[in-house]
Amino acid sequence: MSSFDPNQNDVNRAQQIIKREQSNALNWATHVLCVFLVSLAFIVNLFRGSSKNPSIINLQRCSPIDWSIFGGFIFVAIVVCYMNVQRVQEEDRVKRAVKMGISKSDLVYND
């Protein structure tokens, strides 16, 4: 375990995290992020086109700009994934430090 020394702010933060995790309505940031990624994937698909539907901006398939758009989407998806993993690890660290909202079956991210 780390040398993290919990204080009242950490207890309050853990309580907020637990409250958010128990409610779909309070977990809106996760839902917005999912809608953002699905929307971005849809837009990239429209820009790139498919075998049945042409590109809405007349991109030629497998051109440098086509691959750049696709690569940009992959990069954004990886960055979003990384940021979420960091957020979950930090929230797990706070909950474990104050010994709230954890169970024996939870995955351990920080050991």
Protein backbone atom coordinates (compact mmCIF):
# COMPACT_ATOMS: atom_id res chain seq x y z
CA MET A 1 0.00 0.00 0.00
CA SER A 2 1.23 3.54 -0.64
CA SER A 3 2.12 6.12 2.01
CA PHE A 4 -1.13 7.97 1.35
CA ASP A 5 -2.48 9.50 4.58
CA PRO A 6 -6.24 10.06 4.30
CA ASN A 7 -7.90 13.13 5.77
CA GLN A 8 -11.48 14.39 5.99
CA ASN A 9 -11.35 15.67 2.39
CA ASP A 10 -10.49 12.16 1.23
CA VAL A 11 -13.38 10.71 3.24
CA ASN A 12 -15.74 13.26 1.66
CA ARG A 13 -14.34 12.49 -1.78
CA ALA A 14 -14.76 8.74 -1.24
CA GLN A 15 -18.38 9.31 -0.20
CA GLN A 16 -18.99 11.33 -3.38
CA ILE A 17 -17.38 8.62 -5.52
CA ILE A 18 -19.52 5.91 -3.91
CA LYS A 19 -22.69 7.99 -4.31
CA ARG A 20 -21.88 8.56 -7.99
CA GLU A 21 -21.12 4.88 -8.58
CA GLN A 22 -24.47 3.85 -7.12
CA SER A 23 -26.48 6.11 -9.42
CA ASN A 24 -26.85 6.21 -13.19
CA ALA A 25 -28.03 9.82 -13.09
CA LEU A 26 -24.97 11.08 -11.20
CA ASN A 27 -22.55 9.22 -13.45
CA TRP A 28 -23.29 11.57 -16.36
CA ALA A 29 -19.63 12.22 -17.24
CA THR A 30 -19.15 8.56 -18.19
CA HIS A 31 -22.28 8.65 -20.35
CA VAL A 32 -21.19 11.87 -22.08
CA LEU A 33 -17.80 10.33 -22.81
CA CYS A 34 -19.41 7.24 -24.35
CA VAL A 35 -21.74 9.37 -26.49
CA PHE A 36 -18.74 11.48 -27.57
CA LEU A 37 -16.72 8.45 -28.69
CA VAL A 38 -19.66 6.85 -30.53
CA SER A 39 -20.44 10.18 -32.23
CA LEU A 40 -16.81 10.63 -33.21
CA ALA A 41 -16.72 7.10 -34.65
CA PHE A 42 -19.90 7.87 -36.63
CA ILE A 43 -18.44 11.13 -37.99
CA VAL A 44 -15.16 9.43 -38.92
CA ASN A 45 -17.15 6.74 -40.73
CA LEU A 46 -19.09 9.38 -42.66
CA PHE A 47 -15.88 11.21 -43.57
CA ARG A 48 -14.09 8.05 -44.68
CA GLY A 49 -17.03 6.38 -46.40
CA SER A 50 -17.45 2.67 -46.96
CA SER A 51 -17.78 0.22 -49.82
CA LYS A 52 -21.52 0.94 -50.00
CA ASN A 53 -21.56 4.66 -49.11
CA PRO A 54 -19.14 7.25 -50.47
CA SER A 55 -17.32 9.75 -48.28
CA ILE A 56 -19.41 12.85 -47.47
CA ILE A 57 -16.32 15.02 -48.13
CA ASN A 58 -15.18 13.07 -51.20
CA LEU A 59 -12.12 11.48 -49.66
CA GLN A 60 -10.40 8.84 -51.68
CA ARG A 61 -10.10 5.58 -49.76
CA CYS A 62 -6.62 4.77 -48.41
CA SER A 63 -5.34 8.26 -49.19
CA PRO A 64 -3.01 9.94 -46.68
CA ILE A 65 -5.80 12.17 -45.36
CA ASP A 66 -8.09 9.14 -45.00
CA TRP A 67 -5.49 7.34 -42.88
CA SER A 68 -4.79 10.53 -40.95
CA ILE A 69 -8.44 10.87 -39.97
CA PHE A 70 -8.55 7.22 -38.95
CA GLY A 71 -5.28 7.52 -37.03
CA GLY A 72 -6.54 10.66 -35.30
CA PHE A 73 -9.64 8.80 -34.16
CA ILE A 74 -7.54 5.92 -32.82
CA PHE A 75 -5.29 8.41 -30.99
CA VAL A 76 -8.26 10.19 -29.38
CA ALA A 77 -9.77 6.85 -28.32
CA ILE A 78 -6.47 5.76 -26.73
CA VAL A 79 -6.09 9.08 -24.88
CA VAL A 80 -9.66 8.89 -23.56
CA CYS A 81 -9.09 5.30 -22.45
CA TYR A 82 -5.83 6.25 -20.69
CA MET A 83 -7.47 9.19 -18.91
CA ASN A 84 -10.30 6.99 -17.68
CA VAL A 85 -7.91 4.32 -16.39
CA GLN A 86 -6.02 7.02 -14.48
CA ARG A 87 -9.29 8.37 -13.01
CA VAL A 88 -10.44 4.92 -11.91
CA GLN A 89 -7.06 4.15 -10.34
CA GLU A 90 -7.13 7.44 -8.40
CA GLU A 91 -10.69 6.82 -7.19
CA ASP A 92 -9.72 3.28 -6.17
CA ARG A 93 -6.72 4.63 -4.26
CA VAL A 94 -8.91 7.09 -2.33
CA LYS A 95 -11.54 4.45 -1.52
CA ARG A 96 -8.92 1.96 -0.33
CA ALA A 97 -7.13 4.59 1.76
CA VAL A 98 -10.31 5.44 3.68
CA LYS A 99 -11.54 1.81 3.55
CA MET A 100 -14.92 2.71 2.06
CA GLY A 101 -16.79 1.34 -0.95
CA ILE A 102 -14.52 -1.64 -1.59
CA SER A 103 -15.07 -5.38 -1.40
CA LYS A 104 -12.81 -8.39 -1.54
CA SER A 105 -13.88 -9.12 -5.12
CA ASP A 106 -12.77 -5.69 -6.46
CA LEU A 107 -9.84 -5.58 -8.83
CA VAL A 108 -6.70 -4.09 -7.32
CA TYR A 109 -5.14 -1.42 -9.54
CA ASN A 110 -2.49 0.15 -7.32
CA ASP A 111 -0.53 -2.66 -5.68
